[in-house]
C-alpha cells in the first residue's frame, strides 16, 4: 500500500491546507505576545488531533449517520473557501476571538495547524488515498510544522512579507484545484 506518489500528493495537499508558511506572520504575533513558541507542545497536540481524526473521524461520522463521500464533498467546499481566502487575501472563516489558553495550543495547534480545514481535509484524503499514505503525509507535515515553528525568528528575517504573500497565493491556487478534484471524485458516482 506504500505509494510515494500518493504520499507526495497528500503531503502537498496538507501543506497547502495547513499553510504553515503563510501563517508565519500570525506565529510571530503569538511569539511576541507569549514570549516564545512551544514548538514541541504545539506539534504533539496537532499530531494527536490529526492522527486521531484520521482513525476516529469515520466513526464520528457514522455516529451522525454520514458517509465519508458526503463529508469529503463538504470538506472540498471548506477547502475551496480556504483557497479563495488565500488567493484573494480575505478572511471568510473567522476564529473565535474569545478562545483563551496557551498560545502554543490555542490558537496555534488548534485551530491554526489542526483546525477544521485540516481535519476535514484528512477525512477527504482518506476517501481518496490509502490510510498509510495519509498517515505518512500527516507525519511529514508535522515535521515541517515543527521546523517552521522552531525557525520562526529566522524565517521572519529571511523571507519578508512579499515572499509570504506570493507563497500564500501560489498554494491557494493549488488548493483550489485540489478542492475541485476531491469534489469531482466524491460527488459523482461512476
N, C-alpha and C. Protein backbone atom coordinates (compact mmCIF):
# COMPACT_ATOMS: atom_id res chain seq x y z
N UNK A 1 0.81 -1.21 0.00
CA UNK A 1 0.00 0.00 0.00
C UNK A 1 0.85 1.26 0.00
N UNK A 2 2.14 1.16 0.31
CA UNK A 2 3.02 2.32 0.33
C UNK A 2 3.20 2.84 -1.09
N UNK A 3 2.74 4.06 -1.34
CA UNK A 3 2.78 4.65 -2.67
C UNK A 3 3.35 6.06 -2.55
N UNK A 4 4.57 6.25 -3.06
CA UNK A 4 5.25 7.53 -2.90
C UNK A 4 4.55 8.67 -3.63
N UNK A 5 3.88 8.36 -4.73
CA UNK A 5 3.11 9.39 -5.43
C UNK A 5 1.94 9.87 -4.56
N UNK A 6 1.25 8.92 -3.92
CA UNK A 6 0.15 9.29 -3.02
C UNK A 6 0.68 10.07 -1.82
N UNK A 7 1.80 9.61 -1.25
CA UNK A 7 2.39 10.30 -0.11
C UNK A 7 2.74 11.74 -0.48
N UNK A 8 3.34 11.91 -1.66
CA UNK A 8 3.69 13.26 -2.12
C UNK A 8 2.43 14.11 -2.29
N UNK A 9 1.39 13.54 -2.90
CA UNK A 9 0.14 14.28 -3.10
C UNK A 9 -0.48 14.68 -1.77
N UNK A 10 -0.57 13.73 -0.83
CA UNK A 10 -1.15 14.01 0.49
C UNK A 10 -0.33 15.08 1.21
N UNK A 11 0.98 14.94 1.15
CA UNK A 11 1.86 15.91 1.81
C UNK A 11 1.64 17.30 1.25
N UNK A 12 1.57 17.41 -0.07
CA UNK A 12 1.38 18.71 -0.72
C UNK A 12 0.00 19.29 -0.38
N UNK A 13 -1.01 18.45 -0.40
CA UNK A 13 -2.37 18.92 -0.09
C UNK A 13 -2.42 19.44 1.35
N UNK A 14 -1.93 18.65 2.30
CA UNK A 14 -1.95 19.08 3.70
C UNK A 14 -1.08 20.31 3.93
N UNK A 15 0.05 20.37 3.24
CA UNK A 15 0.93 21.53 3.35
C UNK A 15 0.20 22.79 2.90
N UNK A 16 -0.59 22.66 1.84
CA UNK A 16 -1.36 23.80 1.34
C UNK A 16 -2.46 24.19 2.31
N UNK A 17 -3.14 23.20 2.89
CA UNK A 17 -4.25 23.48 3.81
C UNK A 17 -3.73 24.06 5.13
N UNK A 18 -2.71 23.44 5.69
CA UNK A 18 -2.15 23.91 6.96
C UNK A 18 -1.56 25.31 6.75
N UNK A 19 -0.93 25.53 5.60
CA UNK A 19 -0.37 26.83 5.22
C UNK A 19 0.51 27.39 6.33
N UNK A 20 1.44 26.57 6.80
CA UNK A 20 2.30 26.98 7.91
C UNK A 20 3.19 28.15 7.51
N UNK A 21 3.63 28.21 6.25
CA UNK A 21 4.45 29.34 5.82
C UNK A 21 3.63 30.62 5.77
N UNK A 22 2.40 30.53 5.29
CA UNK A 22 1.52 31.69 5.25
C UNK A 22 1.09 32.14 6.63
N UNK A 23 1.24 31.25 7.60
CA UNK A 23 0.85 31.56 8.98
C UNK A 23 1.98 32.16 9.80
N UNK A 24 3.16 32.30 9.21
CA UNK A 24 4.30 32.81 9.98
C UNK A 24 4.04 34.19 10.57
N UNK A 25 3.40 35.12 9.84
CA UNK A 25 3.11 36.40 10.50
C UNK A 25 2.27 36.23 11.77
N UNK A 26 1.31 35.32 11.74
CA UNK A 26 0.48 35.05 12.91
C UNK A 26 1.30 34.38 14.01
N UNK A 27 2.19 33.46 13.63
CA UNK A 27 3.07 32.78 14.59
C UNK A 27 3.96 33.81 15.28
N UNK A 28 4.45 34.78 14.52
CA UNK A 28 5.31 35.82 15.08
C UNK A 28 4.53 36.66 16.10
N UNK A 29 3.29 36.97 15.79
CA UNK A 29 2.45 37.72 16.73
C UNK A 29 2.28 36.93 18.03
N UNK A 30 2.01 35.63 17.91
CA UNK A 30 1.84 34.78 19.11
C UNK A 30 3.15 34.74 19.90
N UNK A 31 4.26 34.60 19.19
CA UNK A 31 5.56 34.53 19.88
C UNK A 31 5.82 35.82 20.65
N UNK A 32 5.51 36.96 20.05
CA UNK A 32 5.73 38.23 20.73
C UNK A 32 4.80 38.39 21.93
N UNK A 33 3.57 37.90 21.80
CA UNK A 33 2.60 38.01 22.89
C UNK A 33 2.94 37.07 24.04
N UNK A 34 3.31 35.83 23.71
CA UNK A 34 3.55 34.80 24.73
C UNK A 34 5.00 34.79 25.23
N UNK A 35 5.90 35.40 24.48
CA UNK A 35 7.31 35.38 24.87
C UNK A 35 8.10 34.32 24.14
N UNK A 36 7.45 33.21 23.78
CA UNK A 36 8.10 32.16 22.99
C UNK A 36 7.04 31.22 22.45
N UNK A 37 7.43 30.44 21.46
CA UNK A 37 6.57 29.41 20.87
C UNK A 37 7.03 28.06 21.42
N UNK A 38 6.11 27.28 21.96
CA UNK A 38 6.43 25.93 22.43
C UNK A 38 6.20 24.98 21.25
N UNK A 39 7.22 24.88 20.39
CA UNK A 39 7.09 24.11 19.14
C UNK A 39 6.76 22.64 19.41
N UNK A 40 7.38 22.04 20.42
CA UNK A 40 7.15 20.63 20.71
C UNK A 40 5.70 20.40 21.12
N UNK A 41 5.21 21.22 22.04
CA UNK A 41 3.84 21.07 22.54
C UNK A 41 2.82 21.28 21.41
N UNK A 42 3.01 22.32 20.61
CA UNK A 42 2.09 22.61 19.51
C UNK A 42 2.08 21.46 18.50
N UNK A 43 3.25 20.91 18.20
CA UNK A 43 3.35 19.83 17.22
C UNK A 43 2.71 18.55 17.75
N UNK A 44 2.95 18.22 19.01
CA UNK A 44 2.38 17.00 19.60
C UNK A 44 0.86 17.08 19.66
N UNK A 45 0.33 18.21 20.09
CA UNK A 45 -1.13 18.35 20.17
C UNK A 45 -1.75 18.31 18.78
N UNK A 46 -1.10 18.94 17.81
CA UNK A 46 -1.58 18.88 16.42
C UNK A 46 -1.57 17.44 15.92
N UNK A 47 -0.52 16.68 16.26
CA UNK A 47 -0.41 15.29 15.84
C UNK A 47 -1.54 14.45 16.43
N UNK A 48 -1.83 14.65 17.71
CA UNK A 48 -2.91 13.89 18.35
C UNK A 48 -4.24 14.18 17.66
N UNK A 49 -4.50 15.45 17.39
CA UNK A 49 -5.75 15.82 16.72
C UNK A 49 -5.84 15.23 15.31
N UNK A 50 -4.76 15.37 14.53
CA UNK A 50 -4.79 14.94 13.13
C UNK A 50 -4.83 13.42 13.00
N UNK A 51 -3.97 12.73 13.73
CA UNK A 51 -3.94 11.26 13.65
C UNK A 51 -5.21 10.67 14.27
N UNK A 52 -5.66 11.26 15.37
CA UNK A 52 -6.91 10.81 15.98
C UNK A 52 -8.08 10.94 15.03
N UNK A 53 -8.14 12.05 14.31
CA UNK A 53 -9.24 12.26 13.37
C UNK A 53 -9.12 11.32 12.17
N UNK A 54 -7.88 11.00 11.77
CA UNK A 54 -7.69 10.06 10.66
C UNK A 54 -8.31 8.71 11.01
N UNK A 55 -8.11 8.24 12.24
CA UNK A 55 -8.59 6.92 12.62
C UNK A 55 -10.01 6.92 13.20
N UNK A 56 -10.41 7.99 13.89
CA UNK A 56 -11.72 8.02 14.54
C UNK A 56 -12.75 8.87 13.81
N UNK A 57 -12.30 9.64 12.85
CA UNK A 57 -13.20 10.56 12.15
C UNK A 57 -14.36 9.84 11.48
N UNK A 58 -14.09 8.69 10.88
CA UNK A 58 -15.15 7.93 10.20
C UNK A 58 -16.18 7.42 11.22
N UNK A 59 -15.72 6.98 12.38
CA UNK A 59 -16.65 6.53 13.42
C UNK A 59 -17.52 7.68 13.91
N UNK A 60 -16.91 8.85 14.03
CA UNK A 60 -17.68 10.04 14.43
C UNK A 60 -18.75 10.35 13.39
N UNK A 61 -18.38 10.22 12.12
CA UNK A 61 -19.36 10.45 11.04
C UNK A 61 -20.52 9.46 11.13
N UNK A 62 -20.19 8.18 11.35
CA UNK A 62 -21.24 7.16 11.45
C UNK A 62 -22.20 7.46 12.59
N UNK A 63 -21.66 8.02 13.65
CA UNK A 63 -22.48 8.41 14.79
C UNK A 63 -23.57 9.41 14.36
N UNK A 64 -23.24 10.25 13.38
CA UNK A 64 -24.20 11.23 12.87
C UNK A 64 -24.91 10.77 11.60
N UNK A 65 -24.67 9.52 11.20
CA UNK A 65 -25.33 8.98 10.02
C UNK A 65 -24.80 9.52 8.70
N UNK A 66 -23.53 9.89 8.67
CA UNK A 66 -22.92 10.44 7.45
C UNK A 66 -21.93 9.44 6.87
N UNK A 67 -21.70 9.53 5.57
CA UNK A 67 -20.67 8.70 4.95
C UNK A 67 -19.48 9.57 4.57
N UNK A 68 -18.34 8.91 4.30
CA UNK A 68 -17.10 9.62 4.02
C UNK A 68 -17.23 10.46 2.75
N UNK A 69 -17.92 9.96 1.73
CA UNK A 69 -18.08 10.72 0.48
C UNK A 69 -18.81 12.04 0.72
N UNK A 70 -19.86 12.01 1.54
CA UNK A 70 -20.58 13.24 1.86
C UNK A 70 -19.69 14.22 2.62
N UNK A 71 -18.94 13.69 3.57
CA UNK A 71 -18.03 14.54 4.34
C UNK A 71 -16.93 15.08 3.43
N UNK A 72 -16.45 14.25 2.49
CA UNK A 72 -15.42 14.69 1.56
C UNK A 72 -15.92 15.83 0.68
N UNK A 73 -17.17 15.74 0.21
CA UNK A 73 -17.75 16.82 -0.59
C UNK A 73 -17.86 18.09 0.26
N UNK A 74 -18.36 17.95 1.49
CA UNK A 74 -18.45 19.11 2.39
C UNK A 74 -17.06 19.67 2.64
N UNK A 75 -16.10 18.78 2.86
CA UNK A 75 -14.72 19.20 3.07
C UNK A 75 -14.15 19.92 1.87
N UNK A 76 -14.48 19.45 0.68
CA UNK A 76 -13.97 20.12 -0.53
C UNK A 76 -14.51 21.54 -0.63
N UNK A 77 -15.73 21.76 -0.15
CA UNK A 77 -16.30 23.11 -0.16
C UNK A 77 -15.54 24.00 0.83
N UNK A 78 -15.23 23.46 2.02
CA UNK A 78 -14.44 24.21 3.01
C UNK A 78 -13.06 24.52 2.44
N UNK A 79 -12.43 23.52 1.81
CA UNK A 79 -11.11 23.71 1.22
C UNK A 79 -11.18 24.78 0.12
N UNK A 80 -12.25 24.76 -0.68
CA UNK A 80 -12.47 25.75 -1.73
C UNK A 80 -12.51 27.15 -1.12
N UNK A 81 -13.23 27.31 -0.01
CA UNK A 81 -13.35 28.61 0.65
C UNK A 81 -11.99 29.06 1.18
N UNK A 82 -11.25 28.14 1.81
CA UNK A 82 -9.92 28.47 2.33
C UNK A 82 -9.00 28.89 1.17
N UNK A 83 -9.09 28.19 0.05
CA UNK A 83 -8.28 28.53 -1.12
C UNK A 83 -8.62 29.93 -1.63
N UNK A 84 -9.91 30.25 -1.65
CA UNK A 84 -10.32 31.59 -2.09
C UNK A 84 -9.79 32.66 -1.14
N UNK A 85 -9.78 32.37 0.17
CA UNK A 85 -9.20 33.30 1.14
C UNK A 85 -7.72 33.54 0.83
N UNK A 86 -7.00 32.44 0.54
CA UNK A 86 -5.58 32.55 0.26
C UNK A 86 -5.32 33.35 -1.01
N UNK A 87 -6.10 33.09 -2.05
CA UNK A 87 -5.89 33.75 -3.33
C UNK A 87 -6.27 35.23 -3.27
N UNK A 88 -7.42 35.52 -2.66
CA UNK A 88 -7.95 36.88 -2.65
C UNK A 88 -7.45 37.72 -1.47
N UNK A 89 -6.81 37.07 -0.49
CA UNK A 89 -6.30 37.80 0.66
C UNK A 89 -7.41 38.33 1.57
N UNK A 90 -8.50 37.58 1.66
CA UNK A 90 -9.63 37.97 2.51
C UNK A 90 -9.86 36.92 3.58
N UNK A 91 -10.67 37.24 4.57
CA UNK A 91 -11.00 36.28 5.62
C UNK A 91 -12.49 36.05 5.62
N UNK A 92 -12.89 34.83 5.29
CA UNK A 92 -14.30 34.45 5.31
C UNK A 92 -14.63 33.63 6.54
N UNK A 93 -13.67 32.78 6.96
CA UNK A 93 -13.85 31.93 8.14
C UNK A 93 -13.06 32.56 9.27
N UNK A 94 -13.76 32.99 10.30
CA UNK A 94 -13.12 33.67 11.42
C UNK A 94 -13.06 32.76 12.63
N UNK A 95 -11.93 32.85 13.37
CA UNK A 95 -11.78 32.08 14.60
C UNK A 95 -12.43 32.83 15.75
N UNK A 96 -12.74 32.11 16.81
CA UNK A 96 -13.34 32.69 18.00
C UNK A 96 -12.32 33.56 18.73
N UNK A 97 -12.54 34.88 18.79
CA UNK A 97 -11.56 35.75 19.45
C UNK A 97 -11.53 35.58 20.96
N UNK A 98 -12.55 34.94 21.54
CA UNK A 98 -12.61 34.76 22.99
C UNK A 98 -11.90 33.51 23.47
N UNK A 99 -11.36 32.70 22.52
CA UNK A 99 -10.67 31.47 22.93
C UNK A 99 -9.43 31.83 23.73
N UNK A 100 -9.35 31.33 24.94
CA UNK A 100 -8.22 31.63 25.83
C UNK A 100 -7.39 30.38 26.04
N UNK A 101 -6.14 30.57 26.41
CA UNK A 101 -5.26 29.44 26.69
C UNK A 101 -3.87 29.74 26.23
N UNK A 102 -3.02 28.78 26.32
CA UNK A 102 -1.64 28.93 25.90
C UNK A 102 -1.60 29.17 24.40
N UNK A 103 -0.77 30.11 23.99
CA UNK A 103 -0.65 30.42 22.57
C UNK A 103 -0.13 29.26 21.75
N UNK A 104 0.56 28.32 22.41
CA UNK A 104 1.06 27.16 21.66
C UNK A 104 -0.03 26.12 21.41
N UNK A 105 -1.13 26.20 22.17
CA UNK A 105 -2.22 25.26 21.98
C UNK A 105 -3.37 25.95 21.26
N UNK A 106 -3.90 26.99 21.85
CA UNK A 106 -4.97 27.78 21.23
C UNK A 106 -4.42 29.17 21.06
N UNK A 107 -4.30 29.68 19.90
CA UNK A 107 -4.82 29.24 18.61
C UNK A 107 -3.81 28.53 17.72
N UNK A 108 -2.59 28.25 18.21
CA UNK A 108 -1.56 27.70 17.33
C UNK A 108 -1.83 26.26 16.91
N UNK A 109 -1.86 25.31 17.86
CA UNK A 109 -2.12 23.91 17.50
C UNK A 109 -3.53 23.74 16.96
N UNK A 110 -4.47 24.37 17.64
CA UNK A 110 -5.87 24.34 17.19
C UNK A 110 -6.41 25.74 17.36
N UNK A 111 -6.90 26.38 16.33
CA UNK A 111 -7.26 25.87 15.01
C UNK A 111 -6.25 26.16 13.90
N UNK A 112 -5.10 26.83 14.20
CA UNK A 112 -4.20 27.22 13.11
C UNK A 112 -3.62 26.02 12.36
N UNK A 113 -3.04 25.05 13.08
CA UNK A 113 -2.41 23.91 12.41
C UNK A 113 -3.43 22.80 12.17
N UNK A 114 -4.09 22.34 13.22
CA UNK A 114 -5.05 21.23 13.10
C UNK A 114 -6.47 21.77 13.28
N UNK A 115 -6.84 22.67 12.43
CA UNK A 115 -8.18 23.25 12.50
C UNK A 115 -9.19 22.49 11.68
N UNK A 116 -10.35 23.09 11.53
CA UNK A 116 -11.44 22.44 10.81
C UNK A 116 -11.05 22.10 9.37
N UNK A 117 -10.34 23.01 8.71
CA UNK A 117 -9.93 22.74 7.33
C UNK A 117 -9.00 21.55 7.23
N UNK A 118 -8.04 21.47 8.15
CA UNK A 118 -7.09 20.35 8.15
C UNK A 118 -7.79 19.04 8.45
N UNK A 119 -8.65 19.02 9.47
CA UNK A 119 -9.34 17.78 9.84
C UNK A 119 -10.29 17.33 8.74
N UNK A 120 -10.97 18.28 8.13
CA UNK A 120 -11.86 17.96 7.02
C UNK A 120 -11.05 17.39 5.86
N UNK A 121 -9.92 18.00 5.60
CA UNK A 121 -9.06 17.54 4.51
C UNK A 121 -8.56 16.12 4.77
N UNK A 122 -8.21 15.82 6.01
CA UNK A 122 -7.72 14.47 6.36
C UNK A 122 -8.78 13.43 6.03
N UNK A 123 -10.02 13.69 6.41
CA UNK A 123 -11.08 12.73 6.08
C UNK A 123 -11.33 12.66 4.58
N UNK A 124 -11.24 13.81 3.91
CA UNK A 124 -11.42 13.82 2.46
C UNK A 124 -10.31 13.02 1.79
N UNK A 125 -9.08 13.17 2.28
CA UNK A 125 -7.95 12.43 1.72
C UNK A 125 -8.11 10.93 1.97
N UNK A 126 -8.64 10.59 3.13
CA UNK A 126 -8.84 9.17 3.46
C UNK A 126 -9.83 8.52 2.50
N UNK A 127 -10.74 9.33 1.96
CA UNK A 127 -11.70 8.80 0.99
C UNK A 127 -11.06 8.54 -0.37
N UNK A 128 -9.90 9.15 -0.62
CA UNK A 128 -9.27 9.06 -1.94
C UNK A 128 -7.97 8.24 -1.90
N UNK A 129 -7.21 8.35 -0.81
CA UNK A 129 -5.89 7.73 -0.72
C UNK A 129 -5.85 6.66 0.38
N UNK A 130 -4.83 5.79 0.31
CA UNK A 130 -4.65 4.74 1.31
C UNK A 130 -4.33 5.37 2.67
N UNK A 131 -4.87 4.78 3.72
CA UNK A 131 -4.71 5.30 5.08
C UNK A 131 -3.25 5.46 5.47
N UNK A 132 -2.40 4.48 5.13
CA UNK A 132 -0.98 4.55 5.46
C UNK A 132 -0.32 5.74 4.80
N UNK A 133 -0.65 6.00 3.55
CA UNK A 133 -0.07 7.13 2.83
C UNK A 133 -0.53 8.46 3.41
N UNK A 134 -1.78 8.53 3.86
CA UNK A 134 -2.28 9.74 4.52
C UNK A 134 -1.54 9.95 5.84
N UNK A 135 -1.34 8.88 6.60
CA UNK A 135 -0.63 8.97 7.87
C UNK A 135 0.80 9.48 7.66
N UNK A 136 1.49 8.95 6.67
CA UNK A 136 2.86 9.40 6.39
C UNK A 136 2.86 10.86 5.96
N UNK A 137 1.87 11.26 5.14
CA UNK A 137 1.75 12.66 4.73
C UNK A 137 1.52 13.58 5.92
N UNK A 138 0.72 13.12 6.89
CA UNK A 138 0.49 13.90 8.12
C UNK A 138 1.81 14.05 8.88
N UNK A 139 2.55 12.95 9.03
CA UNK A 139 3.81 13.00 9.79
C UNK A 139 4.84 13.90 9.12
N UNK A 140 4.92 13.84 7.79
CA UNK A 140 5.85 14.72 7.06
C UNK A 140 5.48 16.19 7.33
N UNK A 141 4.18 16.49 7.29
CA UNK A 141 3.74 17.86 7.54
C UNK A 141 4.01 18.29 8.97
N UNK A 142 3.86 17.38 9.92
CA UNK A 142 4.16 17.72 11.32
C UNK A 142 5.64 18.04 11.50
N UNK A 143 6.50 17.35 10.77
CA UNK A 143 7.94 17.66 10.82
C UNK A 143 8.18 19.06 10.26
N UNK A 144 7.53 19.37 9.14
CA UNK A 144 7.66 20.70 8.54
C UNK A 144 7.14 21.76 9.50
N UNK A 145 5.98 21.51 10.11
CA UNK A 145 5.40 22.45 11.08
C UNK A 145 6.38 22.70 12.23
N UNK A 146 6.94 21.62 12.76
CA UNK A 146 7.89 21.75 13.87
C UNK A 146 9.09 22.61 13.47
N UNK A 147 9.65 22.34 12.28
CA UNK A 147 10.82 23.10 11.81
C UNK A 147 10.47 24.58 11.64
N UNK A 148 9.30 24.86 11.07
CA UNK A 148 8.88 26.25 10.88
C UNK A 148 8.67 26.94 12.23
N UNK A 149 8.02 26.25 13.16
CA UNK A 149 7.80 26.85 14.49
C UNK A 149 9.13 27.15 15.18
N UNK A 150 10.07 26.24 15.07
CA UNK A 150 11.38 26.44 15.69
C UNK A 150 12.19 27.53 14.98
N UNK A 151 11.90 27.77 13.71
CA UNK A 151 12.68 28.71 12.90
C UNK A 151 11.96 30.02 12.63
N UNK A 152 10.90 30.32 13.35
CA UNK A 152 10.08 31.49 13.01
C UNK A 152 10.86 32.81 13.05
N UNK A 153 11.79 32.95 13.99
CA UNK A 153 12.58 34.18 14.07
C UNK A 153 13.45 34.32 12.82
N UNK A 154 14.12 33.26 12.46
CA UNK A 154 15.00 33.26 11.29
C UNK A 154 14.19 33.49 10.01
N UNK A 155 13.06 32.78 9.86
CA UNK A 155 12.23 32.92 8.67
C UNK A 155 11.68 34.34 8.52
N UNK A 156 11.36 34.97 9.63
CA UNK A 156 10.86 36.35 9.60
C UNK A 156 11.90 37.27 8.96
N UNK A 157 13.17 37.07 9.31
CA UNK A 157 14.24 37.90 8.76
C UNK A 157 14.52 37.60 7.29
N UNK A 158 14.54 36.33 6.93
CA UNK A 158 14.98 35.92 5.60
C UNK A 158 13.96 36.21 4.49
N UNK A 159 12.71 35.81 4.70
CA UNK A 159 11.74 35.87 3.61
C UNK A 159 11.05 37.21 3.43
N UNK A 160 10.63 37.82 4.48
CA UNK A 160 9.94 39.10 4.35
C UNK A 160 8.48 38.93 3.95
N UNK A 161 7.72 40.03 4.01
CA UNK A 161 6.27 39.98 3.80
C UNK A 161 5.88 39.67 2.36
N UNK A 162 6.59 40.20 1.38
CA UNK A 162 6.18 40.00 -0.02
C UNK A 162 6.32 38.54 -0.44
N UNK A 163 7.35 37.85 0.03
CA UNK A 163 7.53 36.43 -0.30
C UNK A 163 6.40 35.60 0.28
N UNK A 164 5.95 35.93 1.49
CA UNK A 164 4.83 35.21 2.10
C UNK A 164 3.55 35.43 1.31
N UNK A 165 3.34 36.64 0.82
CA UNK A 165 2.14 36.93 0.04
C UNK A 165 2.12 36.11 -1.24
N UNK A 166 3.26 35.99 -1.89
CA UNK A 166 3.35 35.19 -3.13
C UNK A 166 3.11 33.72 -2.82
N UNK A 167 3.79 33.18 -1.79
CA UNK A 167 3.62 31.77 -1.42
C UNK A 167 2.17 31.45 -1.09
N UNK A 168 1.53 32.33 -0.37
CA UNK A 168 0.14 32.12 0.03
C UNK A 168 -0.77 32.00 -1.19
N UNK A 169 -0.58 32.85 -2.20
CA UNK A 169 -1.42 32.81 -3.39
C UNK A 169 -1.12 31.58 -4.26
N UNK A 170 0.14 31.22 -4.37
CA UNK A 170 0.50 30.02 -5.15
C UNK A 170 -0.14 28.79 -4.54
N UNK A 171 -0.02 28.63 -3.21
CA UNK A 171 -0.63 27.48 -2.56
C UNK A 171 -2.15 27.57 -2.59
N UNK A 172 -2.69 28.77 -2.65
CA UNK A 172 -4.14 28.93 -2.78
C UNK A 172 -4.66 28.36 -4.08
N UNK A 173 -3.95 28.62 -5.18
CA UNK A 173 -4.37 28.09 -6.48
C UNK A 173 -4.27 26.57 -6.50
N UNK A 174 -3.19 26.03 -5.93
CA UNK A 174 -3.03 24.57 -5.86
C UNK A 174 -4.17 23.98 -5.03
N UNK A 175 -4.47 24.61 -3.92
CA UNK A 175 -5.53 24.14 -3.04
C UNK A 175 -6.89 24.20 -3.73
N UNK A 176 -7.14 25.22 -4.53
CA UNK A 176 -8.39 25.34 -5.27
C UNK A 176 -8.56 24.17 -6.23
N UNK A 177 -7.50 23.82 -6.95
CA UNK A 177 -7.55 22.68 -7.87
C UNK A 177 -7.79 21.37 -7.11
N UNK A 178 -7.18 21.25 -5.94
CA UNK A 178 -7.36 20.05 -5.12
C UNK A 178 -8.81 19.94 -4.65
N UNK A 179 -9.41 21.06 -4.25
CA UNK A 179 -10.80 21.07 -3.81
C UNK A 179 -11.72 20.59 -4.94
N UNK A 180 -11.47 21.05 -6.14
CA UNK A 180 -12.28 20.64 -7.29
C UNK A 180 -12.12 19.14 -7.52
N UNK A 181 -10.88 18.63 -7.42
CA UNK A 181 -10.64 17.19 -7.63
C UNK A 181 -11.36 16.35 -6.58
N UNK A 182 -11.28 16.74 -5.30
CA UNK A 182 -11.95 15.99 -4.24
C UNK A 182 -13.45 16.00 -4.45
N UNK A 183 -14.00 17.16 -4.84
CA UNK A 183 -15.43 17.27 -5.10
C UNK A 183 -15.83 16.35 -6.26
N UNK A 184 -15.07 16.41 -7.34
CA UNK A 184 -15.36 15.60 -8.53
C UNK A 184 -15.29 14.11 -8.22
N UNK A 185 -14.26 13.70 -7.45
CA UNK A 185 -14.08 12.28 -7.12
C UNK A 185 -15.16 11.73 -6.20
N UNK A 186 -15.79 12.58 -5.40
CA UNK A 186 -16.75 12.10 -4.41
C UNK A 186 -18.20 12.48 -4.70
N UNK A 187 -18.42 13.49 -5.51
CA UNK A 187 -19.79 13.94 -5.76
C UNK A 187 -20.48 13.17 -6.86
N UNK A 188 -19.72 12.68 -7.80
CA UNK A 188 -20.29 11.98 -8.94
C UNK A 188 -19.89 10.52 -8.87
N UNK A 189 -20.86 9.67 -8.74
CA UNK A 189 -20.58 8.24 -8.63
C UNK A 189 -20.56 7.63 -10.02
N UNK A 190 -19.48 6.95 -10.32
CA UNK A 190 -19.28 6.38 -11.66
C UNK A 190 -19.95 5.04 -11.80
